[in-house]
């Protein structure tokens, strides 16, 4: 149980994210009666330009989030899956970090760093990712003088979270199961 009012907002955010995840799981079950209340598309759309992987390639994704994210079709499929669960903020943060690392102009880097902070890191951000206090404080300190490595720790934490939590759910999803048939 929380002691003091300071812990209340953090606990509420955690609980809200837990409910969001559970709702996403319910939405993946077509036999669930929830589909009568909240309609959802049968299969999220995938970009037409990404080439469908071979069964062998898709099979490798079940044990390697890195391989999944390196494949344009795999990334699109994983992102669609997370969107269907209303939990796409982690992959969007990861993608934003990858894009940020490609930035060479210091003024653009500072601008992008601020945007990523405002969208994903800042407390009560619109797409706030779930990182611990230590990771958040290191990231904020890194933003004083932005570099290509400013978000490395936070990105690693989110990658590990997706690897441990989202990837196993993706592998059980119909999106993935259709790829390995």
N, C-alpha and C. Protein backbone atom coordinates (compact mmCIF):
# COMPACT_ATOMS: atom_id res chain seq x y z
N UNK A 1 0.84 -1.18 0.00
CA UNK A 1 0.00 0.00 0.00
C UNK A 1 0.87 1.23 0.00
N UNK A 2 0.45 2.27 -0.64
CA UNK A 2 1.21 3.51 -0.74
C UNK A 2 1.20 4.27 0.57
N UNK A 3 2.33 4.91 0.86
CA UNK A 3 2.41 5.77 2.04
C UNK A 3 2.61 7.18 1.54
N UNK A 4 1.70 8.04 1.86
CA UNK A 4 1.81 9.44 1.45
C UNK A 4 1.17 9.67 0.09
N UNK A 5 0.89 10.92 -0.20
CA UNK A 5 0.23 11.27 -1.45
C UNK A 5 1.18 11.26 -2.64
N UNK A 6 2.49 11.42 -2.39
CA UNK A 6 3.45 11.49 -3.50
C UNK A 6 3.47 10.20 -4.31
N UNK A 7 3.22 9.07 -3.68
CA UNK A 7 3.26 7.78 -4.38
C UNK A 7 1.97 7.52 -5.17
N UNK A 8 0.92 8.23 -4.88
CA UNK A 8 -0.37 7.96 -5.50
C UNK A 8 -0.36 8.09 -7.03
N UNK A 9 0.13 9.19 -7.62
CA UNK A 9 0.08 9.28 -9.07
C UNK A 9 0.86 8.16 -9.76
N UNK A 10 2.03 7.79 -9.25
CA UNK A 10 2.83 6.73 -9.86
C UNK A 10 2.07 5.41 -9.81
N UNK A 11 1.44 5.10 -8.69
CA UNK A 11 0.66 3.88 -8.54
C UNK A 11 -0.53 3.88 -9.50
N UNK A 12 -1.18 5.01 -9.62
CA UNK A 12 -2.32 5.11 -10.54
C UNK A 12 -1.89 4.90 -11.98
N UNK A 13 -0.74 5.46 -12.35
CA UNK A 13 -0.23 5.27 -13.71
C UNK A 13 0.08 3.81 -13.98
N UNK A 14 0.71 3.16 -13.00
CA UNK A 14 1.02 1.73 -13.17
C UNK A 14 -0.26 0.93 -13.32
N UNK A 15 -1.24 1.23 -12.52
CA UNK A 15 -2.52 0.51 -12.57
C UNK A 15 -3.22 0.75 -13.91
N UNK A 16 -3.18 2.00 -14.38
CA UNK A 16 -3.80 2.33 -15.67
C UNK A 16 -3.12 1.57 -16.80
N UNK A 17 -1.79 1.48 -16.76
CA UNK A 17 -1.07 0.75 -17.81
C UNK A 17 -1.38 -0.74 -17.74
N UNK A 18 -1.55 -1.26 -16.52
CA UNK A 18 -1.90 -2.67 -16.35
C UNK A 18 -3.28 -2.94 -16.94
N UNK A 19 -4.23 -2.05 -16.69
CA UNK A 19 -5.58 -2.20 -17.23
C UNK A 19 -5.54 -2.10 -18.75
N UNK A 20 -4.72 -1.18 -19.28
CA UNK A 20 -4.58 -1.01 -20.72
C UNK A 20 -4.07 -2.31 -21.35
N UNK A 21 -3.09 -2.94 -20.72
CA UNK A 21 -2.53 -4.19 -21.23
C UNK A 21 -3.58 -5.30 -21.20
N UNK A 22 -4.33 -5.39 -20.10
CA UNK A 22 -5.36 -6.43 -20.00
C UNK A 22 -6.47 -6.23 -21.03
N UNK A 23 -6.82 -4.96 -21.28
CA UNK A 23 -7.84 -4.67 -22.29
C UNK A 23 -7.33 -5.09 -23.67
N UNK A 24 -6.05 -4.82 -23.94
CA UNK A 24 -5.45 -5.24 -25.20
C UNK A 24 -5.52 -6.74 -25.38
N UNK A 25 -5.26 -7.48 -24.31
CA UNK A 25 -5.32 -8.94 -24.35
C UNK A 25 -6.75 -9.40 -24.67
N UNK A 26 -7.74 -8.78 -24.03
CA UNK A 26 -9.13 -9.12 -24.30
C UNK A 26 -9.49 -8.88 -25.76
N UNK A 27 -8.97 -7.78 -26.31
CA UNK A 27 -9.30 -7.44 -27.69
C UNK A 27 -8.70 -8.43 -28.68
N UNK A 28 -7.67 -9.17 -28.28
CA UNK A 28 -7.06 -10.18 -29.15
C UNK A 28 -7.89 -11.45 -29.23
N UNK A 29 -8.85 -11.61 -28.34
CA UNK A 29 -9.64 -12.83 -28.30
C UNK A 29 -10.99 -12.61 -29.00
N UNK A 30 -11.11 -13.06 -30.26
CA UNK A 30 -12.35 -12.84 -30.99
C UNK A 30 -13.57 -13.48 -30.32
N UNK A 31 -13.36 -14.57 -29.58
CA UNK A 31 -14.50 -15.22 -28.94
C UNK A 31 -15.01 -14.44 -27.73
N UNK A 32 -14.25 -13.43 -27.36
CA UNK A 32 -14.62 -12.63 -26.20
C UNK A 32 -15.85 -11.77 -26.50
N UNK A 33 -16.66 -11.56 -25.51
CA UNK A 33 -17.84 -10.72 -25.71
C UNK A 33 -17.48 -9.25 -25.79
N UNK A 34 -16.22 -8.92 -25.50
CA UNK A 34 -15.81 -7.51 -25.55
C UNK A 34 -15.94 -6.97 -26.97
N UNK A 35 -15.84 -7.85 -28.00
CA UNK A 35 -15.92 -7.38 -29.37
C UNK A 35 -17.31 -6.88 -29.73
N UNK A 36 -18.29 -7.22 -28.93
CA UNK A 36 -19.63 -6.69 -29.13
C UNK A 36 -19.73 -5.26 -28.62
N UNK A 37 -18.89 -4.94 -27.66
CA UNK A 37 -18.90 -3.62 -27.04
C UNK A 37 -17.96 -2.66 -27.78
N UNK A 38 -16.74 -3.13 -28.06
CA UNK A 38 -15.73 -2.30 -28.71
C UNK A 38 -15.33 -2.99 -30.02
N UNK A 39 -15.84 -2.51 -31.14
CA UNK A 39 -15.46 -3.15 -32.41
C UNK A 39 -13.99 -2.88 -32.74
N UNK A 40 -13.34 -3.85 -33.37
CA UNK A 40 -11.95 -3.68 -33.77
C UNK A 40 -11.73 -4.41 -35.08
N UNK A 41 -10.75 -3.95 -35.85
CA UNK A 41 -10.51 -4.63 -37.13
C UNK A 41 -9.97 -6.03 -36.91
N UNK A 42 -10.30 -6.93 -37.82
CA UNK A 42 -9.83 -8.31 -37.70
C UNK A 42 -8.31 -8.38 -37.70
N UNK A 43 -7.69 -7.68 -38.66
CA UNK A 43 -6.23 -7.66 -38.73
C UNK A 43 -5.78 -6.24 -39.03
N UNK A 44 -4.86 -5.71 -38.23
CA UNK A 44 -4.35 -4.38 -38.54
C UNK A 44 -3.62 -4.40 -39.89
N UNK A 45 -3.66 -3.25 -40.57
CA UNK A 45 -3.02 -3.17 -41.87
C UNK A 45 -1.51 -3.13 -41.75
N UNK A 46 -0.86 -3.72 -42.76
CA UNK A 46 0.60 -3.69 -42.84
C UNK A 46 0.97 -2.88 -44.06
N UNK A 47 2.05 -2.13 -43.99
CA UNK A 47 2.46 -1.36 -45.16
C UNK A 47 2.72 -2.27 -46.36
N UNK A 48 2.28 -1.86 -47.54
CA UNK A 48 2.40 -2.68 -48.74
C UNK A 48 3.85 -2.79 -49.21
N UNK A 49 4.69 -1.80 -48.90
CA UNK A 49 6.04 -1.80 -49.44
C UNK A 49 6.99 -2.79 -48.76
N UNK A 50 6.68 -3.26 -47.57
CA UNK A 50 7.55 -4.22 -46.88
C UNK A 50 7.26 -5.62 -47.43
N UNK A 51 8.32 -6.32 -47.82
CA UNK A 51 8.17 -7.66 -48.41
C UNK A 51 7.91 -8.68 -47.31
N UNK A 52 6.92 -9.54 -47.54
CA UNK A 52 6.58 -10.57 -46.57
C UNK A 52 7.77 -11.51 -46.39
N UNK A 53 8.09 -11.83 -45.13
CA UNK A 53 9.25 -12.70 -44.88
C UNK A 53 8.96 -14.16 -45.20
N UNK A 54 10.02 -14.92 -45.32
CA UNK A 54 9.86 -16.36 -45.47
C UNK A 54 9.42 -16.92 -44.11
N UNK A 55 8.88 -18.10 -44.12
CA UNK A 55 8.47 -18.75 -42.88
C UNK A 55 9.69 -18.92 -41.96
N UNK A 56 10.84 -19.25 -42.55
CA UNK A 56 12.06 -19.44 -41.76
C UNK A 56 12.48 -18.13 -41.07
N UNK A 57 12.41 -17.03 -41.82
CA UNK A 57 12.76 -15.73 -41.22
C UNK A 57 11.80 -15.39 -40.08
N UNK A 58 10.52 -15.54 -40.34
CA UNK A 58 9.52 -15.23 -39.31
C UNK A 58 9.68 -16.14 -38.10
N UNK A 59 10.05 -17.38 -38.34
CA UNK A 59 10.25 -18.33 -37.24
C UNK A 59 11.34 -17.85 -36.29
N UNK A 60 12.39 -17.22 -36.82
CA UNK A 60 13.50 -16.72 -36.00
C UNK A 60 13.07 -15.59 -35.05
N UNK A 61 12.03 -14.88 -35.41
CA UNK A 61 11.59 -13.75 -34.60
C UNK A 61 11.11 -14.17 -33.22
N UNK A 62 10.62 -15.39 -33.07
CA UNK A 62 10.08 -15.81 -31.78
C UNK A 62 11.13 -15.78 -30.68
N UNK A 63 12.41 -15.88 -31.06
CA UNK A 63 13.49 -15.88 -30.07
C UNK A 63 14.40 -14.67 -30.17
N UNK A 64 14.08 -13.73 -31.08
CA UNK A 64 14.98 -12.59 -31.25
C UNK A 64 14.20 -11.33 -31.63
N UNK A 65 13.97 -10.50 -30.64
CA UNK A 65 13.32 -9.22 -30.91
C UNK A 65 14.19 -8.38 -31.83
N UNK A 66 15.50 -8.51 -31.68
CA UNK A 66 16.42 -7.74 -32.53
C UNK A 66 16.21 -8.08 -34.01
N UNK A 67 16.11 -9.38 -34.33
CA UNK A 67 15.88 -9.79 -35.72
C UNK A 67 14.51 -9.32 -36.21
N UNK A 68 13.52 -9.38 -35.34
CA UNK A 68 12.18 -8.91 -35.69
C UNK A 68 12.21 -7.43 -36.05
N UNK A 69 12.88 -6.62 -35.24
CA UNK A 69 12.90 -5.18 -35.46
C UNK A 69 13.78 -4.78 -36.65
N UNK A 70 14.72 -5.63 -37.03
CA UNK A 70 15.58 -5.34 -38.17
C UNK A 70 14.86 -5.59 -39.50
N UNK A 71 13.82 -6.39 -39.48
CA UNK A 71 13.07 -6.71 -40.69
C UNK A 71 11.91 -5.72 -40.84
N UNK A 72 11.85 -4.97 -41.95
CA UNK A 72 10.78 -3.97 -42.11
C UNK A 72 9.37 -4.55 -41.95
N UNK A 73 9.14 -5.74 -42.48
CA UNK A 73 7.82 -6.38 -42.36
C UNK A 73 7.58 -6.80 -40.91
N UNK A 74 8.63 -7.31 -40.27
CA UNK A 74 8.52 -7.71 -38.87
C UNK A 74 8.22 -6.52 -37.98
N UNK A 75 8.92 -5.43 -38.21
CA UNK A 75 8.68 -4.20 -37.43
C UNK A 75 7.26 -3.71 -37.62
N UNK A 76 6.80 -3.70 -38.88
CA UNK A 76 5.43 -3.25 -39.17
C UNK A 76 4.40 -4.17 -38.51
N UNK A 77 4.65 -5.47 -38.57
CA UNK A 77 3.72 -6.43 -37.96
C UNK A 77 3.68 -6.27 -36.45
N UNK A 78 4.86 -6.14 -35.84
CA UNK A 78 4.95 -5.97 -34.39
C UNK A 78 4.27 -4.68 -33.96
N UNK A 79 4.49 -3.62 -34.73
CA UNK A 79 3.87 -2.33 -34.41
C UNK A 79 2.35 -2.42 -34.52
N UNK A 80 1.86 -3.08 -35.57
CA UNK A 80 0.40 -3.27 -35.73
C UNK A 80 -0.17 -4.06 -34.56
N UNK A 81 0.56 -5.08 -34.15
CA UNK A 81 0.11 -5.88 -33.01
C UNK A 81 0.01 -5.01 -31.75
N UNK A 82 1.05 -4.22 -31.48
CA UNK A 82 1.03 -3.36 -30.29
C UNK A 82 -0.07 -2.31 -30.37
N UNK A 83 -0.32 -1.79 -31.57
CA UNK A 83 -1.42 -0.84 -31.74
C UNK A 83 -2.75 -1.51 -31.43
N UNK A 84 -2.90 -2.76 -31.82
CA UNK A 84 -4.15 -3.47 -31.55
C UNK A 84 -4.34 -3.70 -30.05
N UNK A 85 -3.25 -3.66 -29.30
CA UNK A 85 -3.31 -3.80 -27.84
C UNK A 85 -3.29 -2.45 -27.13
N UNK A 86 -3.31 -1.37 -27.90
CA UNK A 86 -3.24 -0.01 -27.34
C UNK A 86 -1.98 0.18 -26.51
N UNK A 87 -0.87 -0.40 -26.96
CA UNK A 87 0.39 -0.27 -26.20
C UNK A 87 1.57 -0.02 -27.14
N UNK A 88 1.36 0.86 -28.11
CA UNK A 88 2.41 1.10 -29.09
C UNK A 88 3.46 2.11 -28.65
N UNK A 89 3.32 2.68 -27.47
CA UNK A 89 4.28 3.72 -27.05
C UNK A 89 5.71 3.19 -26.95
N UNK A 90 5.89 1.94 -26.56
CA UNK A 90 7.25 1.40 -26.44
C UNK A 90 7.94 1.30 -27.79
N UNK A 91 7.26 0.75 -28.79
CA UNK A 91 7.89 0.62 -30.11
C UNK A 91 8.07 1.99 -30.75
N UNK A 92 7.14 2.89 -30.52
CA UNK A 92 7.29 4.24 -31.07
C UNK A 92 8.48 4.95 -30.44
N UNK A 93 8.69 4.75 -29.15
CA UNK A 93 9.86 5.32 -28.49
C UNK A 93 11.14 4.71 -29.06
N UNK A 94 11.16 3.39 -29.22
CA UNK A 94 12.33 2.71 -29.76
C UNK A 94 12.66 3.23 -31.16
N UNK A 95 11.63 3.38 -32.01
CA UNK A 95 11.81 3.89 -33.37
C UNK A 95 12.32 5.33 -33.34
N UNK A 96 11.76 6.15 -32.45
CA UNK A 96 12.19 7.54 -32.33
C UNK A 96 13.67 7.61 -31.92
N UNK A 97 14.09 6.72 -31.03
CA UNK A 97 15.50 6.67 -30.61
C UNK A 97 16.40 6.26 -31.77
N UNK A 98 15.96 5.29 -32.55
CA UNK A 98 16.75 4.86 -33.71
C UNK A 98 16.90 6.01 -34.70
N UNK A 99 15.83 6.72 -34.93
CA UNK A 99 15.87 7.88 -35.83
C UNK A 99 16.79 8.97 -35.26
N UNK A 100 16.68 9.20 -33.97
CA UNK A 100 17.50 10.20 -33.29
C UNK A 100 18.99 9.91 -33.47
N UNK A 101 19.38 8.65 -33.37
CA UNK A 101 20.79 8.27 -33.49
C UNK A 101 21.37 8.60 -34.87
N UNK A 102 20.52 8.72 -35.87
CA UNK A 102 20.97 9.03 -37.22
C UNK A 102 21.17 10.53 -37.45
N UNK A 103 20.76 11.33 -36.48
CA UNK A 103 20.85 12.78 -36.60
C UNK A 103 22.29 13.23 -36.39
N UNK A 104 22.79 14.04 -37.32
CA UNK A 104 24.18 14.49 -37.26
C UNK A 104 24.32 15.97 -36.87
N UNK A 105 23.35 16.79 -37.23
CA UNK A 105 23.41 18.22 -36.97
C UNK A 105 23.04 18.49 -35.50
N UNK A 106 23.95 19.10 -34.73
CA UNK A 106 23.69 19.33 -33.29
C UNK A 106 22.38 20.07 -32.98
N UNK A 107 22.02 21.07 -33.77
CA UNK A 107 20.77 21.79 -33.49
C UNK A 107 19.56 20.90 -33.72
N UNK A 108 19.61 20.06 -34.75
CA UNK A 108 18.51 19.11 -35.01
C UNK A 108 18.46 18.06 -33.91
N UNK A 109 19.64 17.64 -33.44
CA UNK A 109 19.72 16.64 -32.38
C UNK A 109 19.05 17.17 -31.11
N UNK A 110 19.35 18.40 -30.75
CA UNK A 110 18.74 19.00 -29.55
C UNK A 110 17.23 19.12 -29.71
N UNK A 111 16.80 19.49 -30.90
CA UNK A 111 15.37 19.62 -31.18
C UNK A 111 14.66 18.27 -31.07
N UNK A 112 15.25 17.24 -31.68
CA UNK A 112 14.66 15.89 -31.62
C UNK A 112 14.69 15.34 -30.20
N UNK A 113 15.77 15.59 -29.48
CA UNK A 113 15.89 15.11 -28.10
C UNK A 113 14.77 15.70 -27.25
N UNK A 114 14.52 16.98 -27.41
CA UNK A 114 13.45 17.65 -26.65
C UNK A 114 12.09 17.05 -27.00
N UNK A 115 11.88 16.80 -28.29
CA UNK A 115 10.60 16.23 -28.73
C UNK A 115 10.40 14.83 -28.14
N UNK A 116 11.45 14.02 -28.16
CA UNK A 116 11.36 12.66 -27.60
C UNK A 116 11.08 12.74 -26.10
N UNK A 117 11.77 13.65 -25.42
CA UNK A 117 11.55 13.83 -23.99
C UNK A 117 10.09 14.21 -23.72
N UNK A 118 9.60 15.20 -24.44
CA UNK A 118 8.23 15.68 -24.23
C UNK A 118 7.18 14.62 -24.54
N UNK A 119 7.44 13.80 -25.54
CA UNK A 119 6.46 12.81 -25.98
C UNK A 119 6.49 11.50 -25.19
N UNK A 120 7.70 11.10 -24.71
CA UNK A 120 7.83 9.77 -24.13
C UNK A 120 8.39 9.70 -22.70
N UNK A 121 9.23 10.63 -22.30
CA UNK A 121 9.95 10.52 -21.03
C UNK A 121 9.34 11.35 -19.91
N UNK A 122 8.98 12.56 -20.22
CA UNK A 122 8.44 13.50 -19.24
C UNK A 122 7.25 12.87 -18.49
N UNK A 123 7.15 13.15 -17.20
CA UNK A 123 5.99 12.66 -16.43
C UNK A 123 4.72 13.20 -17.06
N UNK A 124 3.74 12.34 -17.21
CA UNK A 124 2.46 12.67 -17.82
C UNK A 124 2.57 12.96 -19.32
N UNK A 125 3.65 12.49 -19.95
CA UNK A 125 3.81 12.66 -21.40
C UNK A 125 2.69 11.93 -22.12
N UNK A 126 2.31 12.38 -23.31
CA UNK A 126 1.20 11.73 -24.03
C UNK A 126 1.42 10.25 -24.30
N UNK A 127 2.68 9.86 -24.54
CA UNK A 127 2.99 8.45 -24.80
C UNK A 127 4.07 7.99 -23.83
N UNK A 128 3.91 8.32 -22.58
CA UNK A 128 4.94 8.03 -21.58
C UNK A 128 5.29 6.55 -21.52
N UNK A 129 6.59 6.27 -21.62
CA UNK A 129 7.05 4.90 -21.49
C UNK A 129 7.35 4.61 -20.03
N UNK A 130 7.29 3.35 -19.68
CA UNK A 130 7.45 2.94 -18.29
C UNK A 130 8.92 2.64 -17.99
N UNK A 131 9.65 3.64 -17.51
CA UNK A 131 11.04 3.44 -17.12
C UNK A 131 11.18 3.83 -15.65
N UNK A 132 12.17 3.22 -15.01
CA UNK A 132 12.39 3.47 -13.59
C UNK A 132 12.97 4.87 -13.37
N UNK A 133 12.93 5.31 -12.13
CA UNK A 133 13.38 6.66 -11.76
C UNK A 133 14.85 6.88 -12.11
N UNK A 134 15.70 5.90 -11.85
CA UNK A 134 17.12 6.02 -12.15
C UNK A 134 17.34 6.25 -13.64
N UNK A 135 16.70 5.44 -14.48
CA UNK A 135 16.84 5.56 -15.93
C UNK A 135 16.35 6.93 -16.40
N UNK A 136 15.23 7.36 -15.85
CA UNK A 136 14.68 8.67 -16.23
C UNK A 136 15.66 9.79 -15.86
N UNK A 137 16.22 9.73 -14.65
CA UNK A 137 17.12 10.80 -14.23
C UNK A 137 18.41 10.81 -15.05
N UNK A 138 18.95 9.64 -15.39
CA UNK A 138 20.14 9.57 -16.25
C UNK A 138 19.82 10.17 -17.62
N UNK A 139 18.66 9.83 -18.15
CA UNK A 139 18.26 10.34 -19.47
C UNK A 139 18.12 11.85 -19.44
N UNK A 140 17.49 12.37 -18.41
CA UNK A 140 17.32 13.82 -18.29
C UNK A 140 18.68 14.51 -18.20
N UNK A 141 19.61 13.94 -17.43
CA UNK A 141 20.96 14.51 -17.34
C UNK A 141 21.66 14.47 -18.69
N UNK A 142 21.46 13.41 -19.45
CA UNK A 142 22.06 13.29 -20.78
C UNK A 142 21.55 14.36 -21.75
N UNK A 143 20.36 14.87 -21.48
CA UNK A 143 19.76 15.83 -22.40
C UNK A 143 20.30 17.25 -22.21
N UNK A 144 21.09 17.47 -21.15
CA UNK A 144 21.71 18.78 -20.94
C UNK A 144 22.63 19.08 -22.13
N UNK A 145 23.38 18.08 -22.55
CA UNK A 145 24.22 18.17 -23.74
C UNK A 145 23.91 16.95 -24.61
N UNK A 146 22.89 17.05 -25.47
CA UNK A 146 22.46 15.89 -26.26
C UNK A 146 23.58 15.30 -27.12
N UNK A 147 23.63 13.98 -27.14
CA UNK A 147 24.56 13.25 -28.00
C UNK A 147 23.80 12.04 -28.56
N UNK A 148 24.44 11.31 -29.47
CA UNK A 148 23.77 10.14 -30.04
C UNK A 148 23.42 9.11 -28.98
N UNK A 149 24.09 9.16 -27.83
CA UNK A 149 23.86 8.18 -26.77
C UNK A 149 22.91 8.66 -25.67
N UNK A 150 22.29 9.80 -25.85
CA UNK A 150 21.45 10.39 -24.80
C UNK A 150 20.34 9.47 -24.31
N UNK A 151 19.76 8.68 -25.20
CA UNK A 151 18.62 7.84 -24.84
C UNK A 151 18.99 6.36 -24.72
N UNK A 152 20.27 6.04 -24.79
CA UNK A 152 20.69 4.63 -24.81
C UNK A 152 20.14 3.80 -23.65
N UNK A 153 20.29 4.29 -22.44
CA UNK A 153 19.84 3.52 -21.27
C UNK A 153 18.32 3.31 -21.32
N UNK A 154 17.58 4.36 -21.59
CA UNK A 154 16.12 4.25 -21.65
C UNK A 154 15.70 3.32 -22.79
N UNK A 155 16.38 3.43 -23.93
CA UNK A 155 16.04 2.57 -25.06
C UNK A 155 16.33 1.10 -24.73
N UNK A 156 17.43 0.84 -24.04
CA UNK A 156 17.74 -0.55 -23.63
C UNK A 156 16.68 -1.09 -22.69
N UNK A 157 16.25 -0.26 -21.75
CA UNK A 157 15.21 -0.70 -20.80
C UNK A 157 13.91 -1.05 -21.53
N UNK A 158 13.53 -0.20 -22.46
CA UNK A 158 12.30 -0.43 -23.21
C UNK A 158 12.44 -1.66 -24.11
N UNK A 159 13.61 -1.84 -24.71
CA UNK A 159 13.86 -3.03 -25.52
C UNK A 159 13.68 -4.28 -24.66
N UNK A 160 14.28 -4.27 -23.47
CA UNK A 160 14.17 -5.44 -22.57
C UNK A 160 12.72 -5.68 -22.17
N UNK A 161 11.98 -4.62 -21.94
CA UNK A 161 10.56 -4.74 -21.58
C UNK A 161 9.78 -5.37 -22.74
N UNK A 162 10.02 -4.90 -23.95
CA UNK A 162 9.33 -5.46 -25.12
C UNK A 162 9.73 -6.91 -25.34
N UNK A 163 11.01 -7.21 -25.12
CA UNK A 163 11.51 -8.57 -25.31
C UNK A 163 10.87 -9.53 -24.31
N UNK A 164 10.75 -9.08 -23.09
CA UNK A 164 10.23 -9.94 -22.02
C UNK A 164 8.70 -10.03 -22.02
N UNK A 165 8.04 -8.93 -22.36
CA UNK A 165 6.59 -8.86 -22.23
C UNK A 165 5.85 -8.89 -23.57
N UNK A 166 6.22 -8.01 -24.49
CA UNK A 166 5.46 -7.87 -25.74
C UNK A 166 5.75 -8.98 -26.75
N UNK A 167 7.02 -9.37 -26.88
CA UNK A 167 7.37 -10.40 -27.86
C UNK A 167 6.63 -11.72 -27.62
N UNK A 168 6.59 -12.22 -26.39
CA UNK A 168 5.83 -13.47 -26.17
C UNK A 168 4.35 -13.36 -26.54
N UNK A 169 3.75 -12.20 -26.28
CA UNK A 169 2.34 -12.01 -26.66
C UNK A 169 2.21 -11.94 -28.18
N UNK A 170 3.16 -11.28 -28.84
CA UNK A 170 3.14 -11.19 -30.30
C UNK A 170 3.24 -12.58 -30.92
N UNK A 171 4.12 -13.41 -30.39
CA UNK A 171 4.33 -14.76 -30.92
C UNK A 171 3.04 -15.59 -30.81
N UNK A 172 2.22 -15.32 -29.82
CA UNK A 172 0.95 -16.04 -29.66
C UNK A 172 -0.18 -15.43 -30.49
N UNK A 173 0.05 -14.25 -31.07
CA UNK A 173 -1.01 -13.54 -31.79
C UNK A 173 -1.29 -14.16 -33.16
N UNK A 174 -2.47 -13.87 -33.68
CA UNK A 174 -2.83 -14.36 -35.01
C UNK A 174 -1.98 -13.71 -36.09
N UNK A 175 -1.53 -12.48 -35.85
CA UNK A 175 -0.66 -11.81 -36.82
C UNK A 175 0.58 -12.65 -37.06
N UNK A 176 1.22 -13.08 -35.98
CA UNK A 176 2.45 -13.87 -36.11
C UNK A 176 2.13 -15.29 -36.58
N UNK A 177 1.12 -15.88 -36.02
CA UNK A 177 0.78 -17.27 -36.37
C UNK A 177 0.50 -17.41 -37.87
N UNK A 178 -0.11 -16.38 -38.47
CA UNK A 178 -0.38 -16.41 -39.92
C UNK A 178 0.93 -16.39 -40.72
N UNK A 179 1.96 -15.78 -40.18
CA UNK A 179 3.25 -15.69 -40.88
C UNK A 179 4.03 -17.01 -40.89
N UNK A 180 3.82 -17.82 -39.87
CA UNK A 180 4.61 -19.06 -39.78
C UNK A 180 3.87 -20.28 -40.32
N UNK A 181 2.73 -20.06 -40.91
CA UNK A 181 1.96 -21.18 -41.50
C UNK A 181 2.42 -21.46 -42.91
